[in-house]
């Protein structure tokens, strides 16, 4: 599984690396709503939550589905505006948000509530009563807050847009402006570094620096992002946008909404592993460890190195059967082998196994 971005014909100057204060505010709201996704931000989340005014906390929960699972594309409005990139200030990006059409705003706001087709043309929910009714039915199944928000949004988009802008401005004054004053220098430095890589070494090197999970295929015409989801986007005259985030680890997000400029929103300055396990590797490793015989073999192999014959004798199995199980473990990268004279010794790679939990978490949240 992966998200693919077709970039055939994309000119180098149409790739931009730009920090976004509005996107970072979206990640701040996400971390406050789902602190379990961001253990490294526990101290910051605790401090902000403790001093948050009750009225703002209540408003934060009113539409938290816009940022609880990840965060809505509304936090990257420049992607929906032809030729635009994130502005330098939060106020300017909120102005960009105001420039989205009502149809764009409603479609993006209902992404997590009503689960529309994301990377294909969506129906006009504001003009089609059948689609509108179905959206409200889906929203109702998600809970009373979602259906109330969806109803308000469909009945009066301008009032919801005004409400959201006021809310984001109040969040900035309450906690985000202080955080952004610290984070913007790091993000600007990363953007300069990636831009220099693009200029000097090309897109492939810059993407490798973004994340080991992002690659350029051998033809140079497609970007592949290793994620536990499928998606597709095509760059056009607007190009490709790379947006760094300091608060976003472990999320590596791809905006591939139909008709919007593709965006890679990637973490910097994070504890991300230098070479995170791919989705395929993660699947192989978890499948390899799911078999009870292989689990028992791992118990031995974690303590010392053994030959196939020793493992067969200890477990009452035939040597060919043990070899088959070892082959599965080796293919998954969980067992190493070394030769000692005429004997081949097998041992569990405890470092890889110890990382499996964090690899799994990173993989599902990437």
Protein backbone atom coordinates (compact mmCIF):
# COMPACT_ATOMS: atom_id res chain seq x y z
CA UNK A 1 0.00 0.00 0.00
CA UNK A 2 1.17 3.50 -0.75
CA UNK A 3 0.20 7.00 -1.83
CA UNK A 4 1.50 7.79 -5.30
CA UNK A 5 2.01 11.25 -6.78
CA UNK A 6 2.53 11.40 -10.54
CA UNK A 7 5.01 14.17 -11.33
CA UNK A 8 5.70 13.58 -15.04
CA UNK A 9 6.62 16.90 -16.58
CA UNK A 10 7.01 18.65 -13.22
CA UNK A 11 9.62 21.39 -13.50
CA UNK A 12 12.10 21.70 -10.61
CA UNK A 13 11.09 25.29 -9.93
CA UNK A 14 7.51 24.12 -9.28
CA UNK A 15 8.61 22.24 -6.14
CA UNK A 16 8.44 24.50 -3.08
CA UNK A 17 9.47 23.88 0.53
CA UNK A 18 7.57 26.29 2.77
CA UNK A 19 6.69 26.24 6.51
CA UNK A 20 3.03 26.85 7.36
CA UNK A 21 1.96 28.42 10.68
CA UNK A 22 -1.65 27.37 10.04
CA UNK A 23 -0.64 23.75 9.42
CA UNK A 24 1.46 23.83 12.59
CA UNK A 25 -1.53 25.17 14.52
CA UNK A 26 -3.51 22.22 13.14
CA UNK A 27 -0.87 19.85 14.49
CA UNK A 28 -0.93 21.64 17.85
CA UNK A 29 -4.70 21.10 18.08
CA UNK A 30 -4.22 17.47 17.07
CA UNK A 31 -1.60 16.91 19.77
CA UNK A 32 -3.88 18.48 22.39
CA UNK A 33 -6.76 16.22 21.32
CA UNK A 34 -4.70 13.02 20.92
CA UNK A 35 -1.66 13.34 23.21
CA UNK A 36 -1.09 9.60 22.97
CA UNK A 37 0.06 10.08 19.37
CA UNK A 38 2.80 12.46 20.52
CA UNK A 39 4.52 11.23 23.71
CA UNK A 40 7.39 13.67 23.14
CA UNK A 41 4.97 16.59 23.56
CA UNK A 42 3.52 15.42 26.88
CA UNK A 43 5.02 18.30 28.87
CA UNK A 44 3.84 20.93 26.39
CA UNK A 45 0.34 19.42 26.19
CA UNK A 46 0.05 19.30 29.98
CA UNK A 47 1.14 22.93 30.33
CA UNK A 48 -1.24 24.23 27.64
CA UNK A 49 -4.18 22.20 28.94
CA UNK A 50 -3.65 23.44 32.49
CA UNK A 51 -3.92 27.10 31.53
CA UNK A 52 -6.59 26.79 28.84
CA UNK A 53 -9.68 28.90 29.51
CA UNK A 54 -12.84 26.74 29.93
CA UNK A 55 -14.66 28.56 27.11
CA UNK A 56 -11.84 27.89 24.65
CA UNK A 57 -11.60 24.26 25.77
CA UNK A 58 -15.34 23.83 25.13
CA UNK A 59 -15.03 25.37 21.67
CA UNK A 60 -12.06 23.11 20.97
CA UNK A 61 -14.20 20.03 21.57
CA UNK A 62 -17.06 21.37 19.44
CA UNK A 63 -15.36 20.48 16.16
CA UNK A 64 -12.37 18.42 17.26
CA UNK A 65 -13.01 15.87 14.51
CA UNK A 66 -11.35 18.42 12.21
CA UNK A 67 -8.03 17.66 13.88
CA UNK A 68 -8.39 14.63 16.17
CA UNK A 69 -7.54 11.80 13.76
CA UNK A 70 -4.88 13.84 11.95
CA UNK A 71 -5.95 17.26 10.76
CA UNK A 72 -8.21 18.63 8.06
CA UNK A 73 -6.95 19.92 4.72
CA UNK A 74 -8.48 23.23 5.81
CA UNK A 75 -5.18 23.80 7.62
CA UNK A 76 -3.40 23.87 4.24
CA UNK A 77 -5.74 26.14 2.26
CA UNK A 78 -3.04 27.29 -0.16
CA UNK A 79 -3.20 23.81 -1.74
CA UNK A 80 -6.73 24.64 -2.90
CA UNK A 81 -5.77 27.99 -4.44
CA UNK A 82 -4.11 27.98 -7.89
CA UNK A 83 -0.47 29.04 -7.73
CA UNK A 84 -0.48 29.69 -3.97
CA UNK A 85 1.94 28.60 -1.25
CA UNK A 86 1.58 28.94 2.53
CA UNK A 87 1.84 32.56 3.60
CA UNK A 88 4.38 33.83 6.06
CA UNK A 89 1.98 34.57 8.92
CA UNK A 90 -1.04 32.93 10.46
CA UNK A 91 -3.24 35.93 9.63
CA UNK A 92 -2.27 35.70 5.96
CA UNK A 93 -3.00 31.97 5.87
CA UNK A 94 -6.39 32.56 7.48
CA UNK A 95 -6.99 35.01 4.65
CA UNK A 96 -6.14 32.18 2.25
CA UNK A 97 -8.66 29.99 4.08
CA UNK A 98 -11.28 32.70 3.47
CA UNK A 99 -10.52 32.53 -0.28
CA UNK A 100 -11.62 28.91 -0.60
CA UNK A 101 -15.04 28.57 -2.15
CA UNK A 102 -17.90 27.38 0.05
CA UNK A 103 -17.89 24.09 -1.85
CA UNK A 104 -14.15 23.58 -1.17
CA UNK A 105 -14.53 24.53 2.49
CA UNK A 106 -17.51 22.23 3.10
CA UNK A 107 -15.94 19.31 1.24
CA UNK A 108 -12.71 19.58 3.27
CA UNK A 109 -14.53 20.16 6.57
CA UNK A 110 -16.65 17.03 6.11
CA UNK A 111 -13.70 14.78 5.20
CA UNK A 112 -13.56 12.98 8.56
CA UNK A 113 -17.29 13.21 9.26
CA UNK A 114 -18.75 11.89 6.05
CA UNK A 115 -15.86 10.01 4.37
CA UNK A 116 -16.16 11.21 0.80
CA UNK A 117 -14.04 9.83 -2.00
CA UNK A 118 -10.88 11.78 -1.41
CA UNK A 119 -8.72 11.63 -4.52
CA UNK A 120 -11.53 11.56 -7.10
CA UNK A 121 -14.05 14.24 -7.99
CA UNK A 122 -16.58 14.59 -5.16
CA UNK A 123 -20.28 15.36 -5.66
CA UNK A 124 -21.48 18.92 -5.03
CA UNK A 125 -22.91 18.46 -1.57
CA UNK A 126 -24.31 21.99 -1.43
CA UNK A 127 -26.30 21.56 -4.64
CA UNK A 128 -27.44 17.93 -4.46
CA UNK A 129 -30.15 17.19 -1.85
CA UNK A 130 -29.62 13.43 -2.11
CA UNK A 131 -25.92 13.75 -1.37
CA UNK A 132 -26.67 16.23 1.41
CA UNK A 133 -29.11 13.80 3.05
CA UNK A 134 -26.63 10.97 2.87
CA UNK A 135 -23.97 13.18 4.45
CA UNK A 136 -26.22 13.97 7.40
CA UNK A 137 -27.02 10.27 7.86
CA UNK A 138 -23.33 9.40 8.01
CA UNK A 139 -22.64 12.32 10.35
CA UNK A 140 -25.45 11.17 12.65
CA UNK A 141 -23.83 7.75 12.94
CA UNK A 142 -20.67 9.47 14.20
CA UNK A 143 -22.41 11.20 17.08
CA UNK A 144 -24.49 14.28 18.00
CA UNK A 145 -21.63 16.79 17.76
CA UNK A 146 -20.79 15.70 14.23
CA UNK A 147 -24.37 15.90 13.01
CA UNK A 148 -24.88 19.33 14.61
CA UNK A 149 -21.70 20.61 12.99
CA UNK A 150 -22.58 19.07 9.59
CA UNK A 151 -26.08 20.58 9.73
CA UNK A 152 -24.73 24.04 10.53
CA UNK A 153 -22.10 23.73 7.84
CA UNK A 154 -24.59 22.72 5.16
CA UNK A 155 -27.19 25.30 6.18
CA UNK A 156 -24.87 28.28 6.59
CA UNK A 157 -21.24 27.80 5.48
CA UNK A 158 -20.26 31.48 6.03
CA UNK A 159 -21.19 31.39 9.73
CA UNK A 160 -19.13 28.24 10.31
CA UNK A 161 -16.20 29.75 8.43
CA UNK A 162 -16.38 32.85 10.63
CA UNK A 163 -16.64 30.69 13.75
CA UNK A 164 -13.57 28.67 12.76
CA UNK A 165 -11.49 31.75 12.01
CA UNK A 166 -12.33 33.33 15.39
CA UNK A 167 -11.55 30.06 17.14
CA UNK A 168 -8.14 29.72 15.45
CA UNK A 169 -7.28 33.33 16.23
CA UNK A 170 -8.16 32.74 19.90
CA UNK A 171 -6.01 29.59 19.96
CA UNK A 172 -3.12 31.60 18.54
CA UNK A 173 -3.44 34.19 21.29
CA UNK A 174 -3.89 31.58 24.04
CA UNK A 175 -1.00 29.22 23.27
CA UNK A 176 0.12 28.97 19.66
CA UNK A 177 1.83 32.32 19.09
CA UNK A 178 4.30 31.49 21.86
CA UNK A 179 4.99 28.05 20.40
CA UNK A 180 5.35 29.38 16.86
CA UNK A 181 7.90 31.97 17.94
CA UNK A 182 10.14 29.05 18.98
CA UNK A 183 9.34 26.63 16.15
CA UNK A 184 9.43 28.87 13.09
CA UNK A 185 13.23 29.23 13.09
CA UNK A 186 13.76 25.47 13.05
CA UNK A 187 11.20 25.01 10.27
CA UNK A 188 12.64 27.85 8.21
CA UNK A 189 16.13 26.33 8.53
CA UNK A 190 14.83 22.94 7.40
CA UNK A 191 13.05 24.54 4.44
CA UNK A 192 16.28 26.26 3.39
CA UNK A 193 18.18 22.99 3.67
CA UNK A 194 15.66 21.04 1.56
CA UNK A 195 15.53 23.84 -1.01
CA UNK A 196 19.32 23.73 -1.32
CA UNK A 197 19.19 19.95 -1.76
CA UNK A 198 16.63 20.40 -4.51
CA UNK A 199 18.81 22.94 -6.27
CA UNK A 200 22.12 21.11 -5.94
CA UNK A 201 21.24 17.39 -5.94
CA UNK A 202 17.72 17.08 -7.28
CA UNK A 203 14.32 15.89 -6.14
CA UNK A 204 15.34 12.33 -5.26
CA UNK A 205 17.92 13.51 -2.69
CA UNK A 206 15.49 16.04 -1.22
CA UNK A 207 12.76 13.39 -0.84
CA UNK A 208 15.20 11.02 0.87
CA UNK A 209 15.98 13.82 3.32
CA UNK A 210 12.25 14.31 3.94
CA UNK A 211 11.77 10.68 5.02
CA UNK A 212 13.07 7.22 4.21
CA UNK A 213 9.41 6.38 3.53
CA UNK A 214 9.33 8.75 0.54
CA UNK A 215 11.00 7.65 -2.69
CA UNK A 216 11.19 8.64 -6.33
CA UNK A 217 10.66 5.68 -8.66
CA UNK A 218 13.27 4.59 -11.18
CA UNK A 219 11.61 6.54 -14.00
CA UNK A 220 11.65 9.77 -12.00
CA UNK A 221 7.99 10.30 -12.83
CA UNK A 222 6.29 9.15 -9.63
CA UNK A 223 6.73 9.79 -5.91
CA UNK A 224 5.80 6.83 -3.71
CA UNK A 225 4.99 7.35 -0.03
CA UNK A 226 5.01 4.12 1.98
CA UNK A 227 1.82 4.27 4.06
CA UNK A 228 -0.90 1.91 5.27
CA UNK A 229 -3.35 3.43 2.80
CA UNK A 230 -3.81 3.76 -0.94
CA UNK A 231 -4.07 7.05 -2.75
CA UNK A 232 -3.19 8.84 -5.94
CA UNK A 233 -2.54 12.41 -7.02
CA UNK A 234 -1.22 14.18 -10.09
CA UNK A 235 0.76 17.40 -10.12
CA UNK A 236 -0.29 20.01 -12.63
CA UNK A 237 0.76 23.60 -13.20
CA UNK A 238 0.59 24.30 -9.46
CA UNK A 239 3.43 21.86 -8.73
CA UNK A 240 4.33 20.09 -5.49
CA UNK A 241 4.52 21.50 -1.99
CA UNK A 242 6.69 20.21 0.90
CA UNK A 243 5.69 21.51 4.34
CA UNK A 244 7.84 20.74 7.41
CA UNK A 245 6.32 20.31 10.87
CA UNK A 246 7.95 20.22 14.29
CA UNK A 247 4.86 19.08 16.22
CA UNK A 248 3.79 16.44 13.72
CA UNK A 249 5.92 13.36 14.40
CA UNK A 250 5.14 10.50 13.74
CA UNK A 251 2.66 11.64 11.11
CA UNK A 252 3.90 11.81 7.54
CA UNK A 253 0.84 13.09 5.74
CA UNK A 254 0.04 13.44 2.08
CA UNK A 255 -2.61 15.86 0.87
CA UNK A 256 -3.86 14.31 -2.34
CA UNK A 257 -7.36 15.77 -2.53
CA UNK A 258 -8.78 15.86 -6.04
CA UNK A 259 -8.24 19.26 -7.65
CA UNK A 260 -5.82 20.49 -4.96
CA UNK A 261 -2.05 20.85 -5.16
CA UNK A 262 -0.36 17.73 -3.69
CA UNK A 263 1.41 18.36 -0.38
CA UNK A 264 3.90 16.31 1.65
CA UNK A 265 3.60 17.34 5.30
CA UNK A 266 6.64 15.83 7.01
CA UNK A 267 8.16 15.88 10.54
CA UNK A 268 11.56 17.40 11.31
CA UNK A 269 13.68 17.36 14.44
CA UNK A 270 11.88 14.21 15.56
CA UNK A 271 12.94 10.91 17.15
CA UNK A 272 12.02 9.16 13.91
CA UNK A 273 14.26 6.20 13.15
CA UNK A 274 16.80 6.79 10.43
CA UNK A 275 15.40 3.85 8.46
CA UNK A 276 11.83 3.15 9.61
CA UNK A 277 10.42 -0.23 8.66
CA UNK A 278 8.42 -0.23 5.46
CA UNK A 279 4.82 -1.40 5.50
CA UNK A 280 5.92 -4.61 3.76
CA UNK A 281 8.66 -5.27 6.34
CA UNK A 282 6.27 -4.57 9.19
CA UNK A 283 3.72 -7.01 7.76
CA UNK A 284 6.36 -9.71 7.29
CA UNK A 285 7.68 -9.32 10.83
CA UNK A 286 4.30 -9.42 12.54
CA UNK A 287 3.21 -12.41 10.44
CA UNK A 288 6.49 -14.19 11.21
CA UNK A 289 6.02 -13.80 14.95
CA UNK A 290 2.38 -14.86 14.89
CA UNK A 291 3.18 -18.59 14.60
CA UNK A 292 3.53 -20.40 17.98
CA UNK A 293 6.47 -22.55 16.82
CA UNK A 294 8.39 -19.51 15.67
CA UNK A 295 7.65 -17.76 18.95
CA UNK A 296 9.19 -20.70 20.83
CA UNK A 297 12.20 -20.68 18.54
CA UNK A 298 12.63 -16.96 19.22
CA UNK A 299 12.72 -17.66 22.95
CA UNK A 300 15.83 -19.77 22.40
CA UNK A 301 17.37 -17.55 19.75
CA UNK A 302 17.04 -14.47 21.97
CA UNK A 303 19.33 -16.07 24.55
CA UNK A 304 22.07 -17.52 22.37
CA UNK A 305 23.00 -18.64 18.86
CA UNK A 306 21.95 -22.15 17.82
CA UNK A 307 22.34 -24.44 14.84
CA UNK A 308 19.32 -25.85 13.04
CA UNK A 309 20.04 -29.31 14.48
CA UNK A 310 20.20 -28.00 18.05
CA UNK A 311 16.86 -26.21 17.64
CA UNK A 312 15.27 -29.30 16.08
CA UNK A 313 16.43 -31.51 18.96
CA UNK A 314 15.32 -29.03 21.62
CA UNK A 315 11.82 -28.66 20.18
CA UNK A 316 11.19 -32.18 18.92
CA UNK A 317 10.98 -31.08 15.29
CA UNK A 318 12.65 -32.21 12.10
CA UNK A 319 15.58 -30.19 10.78
CA UNK A 320 13.72 -29.31 7.52
CA UNK A 321 10.75 -28.02 9.55
CA UNK A 322 13.01 -25.81 11.68
CA UNK A 323 14.75 -24.59 8.52
CA UNK A 324 11.42 -23.50 7.05
CA UNK A 325 10.54 -21.52 10.18
CA UNK A 326 14.01 -19.97 10.30
CA UNK A 327 13.62 -18.99 6.65
CA UNK A 328 10.45 -17.06 7.49
CA UNK A 329 12.18 -15.29 10.38
CA UNK A 330 15.23 -14.45 8.25
CA UNK A 331 13.09 -13.11 5.39
CA UNK A 332 11.41 -10.80 7.91
CA UNK A 333 14.82 -9.59 9.08
CA UNK A 334 14.36 -10.94 12.61
CA UNK A 335 17.16 -13.53 12.64
CA UNK A 336 20.83 -13.20 11.76
CA UNK A 337 23.18 -16.02 10.80
CA UNK A 338 26.91 -16.49 11.05
CA UNK A 339 29.24 -19.36 10.27
CA UNK A 340 31.50 -20.99 12.85
CA UNK A 341 33.62 -23.59 11.14
CA UNK A 342 31.26 -25.98 9.43
CA UNK A 343 28.30 -24.90 11.56
CA UNK A 344 25.76 -22.15 10.76
CA UNK A 345 24.49 -20.39 13.86
CA UNK A 346 21.21 -18.49 14.03
CA UNK A 347 20.36 -15.78 16.53
CA UNK A 348 17.47 -13.38 17.09
CA UNK A 349 18.20 -9.75 16.22
CA UNK A 350 16.91 -8.36 19.51
CA UNK A 351 17.44 -4.75 18.37
CA UNK A 352 15.00 -5.23 15.50
CA UNK A 353 12.48 -7.02 17.72
CA UNK A 354 12.75 -4.32 20.38
CA UNK A 355 11.88 -1.74 17.72
CA UNK A 356 8.84 -3.64 16.50
CA UNK A 357 6.41 -1.85 18.80
CA UNK A 358 7.64 1.60 17.83
CA UNK A 359 7.82 0.54 14.16
CA UNK A 360 4.19 -0.59 14.34
CA UNK A 361 3.08 2.66 15.98
CA UNK A 362 5.05 4.75 13.48
CA UNK A 363 3.65 2.71 10.60
CA UNK A 364 0.00 3.05 11.51
CA UNK A 365 0.32 6.76 12.39
CA UNK A 366 2.66 7.70 9.52
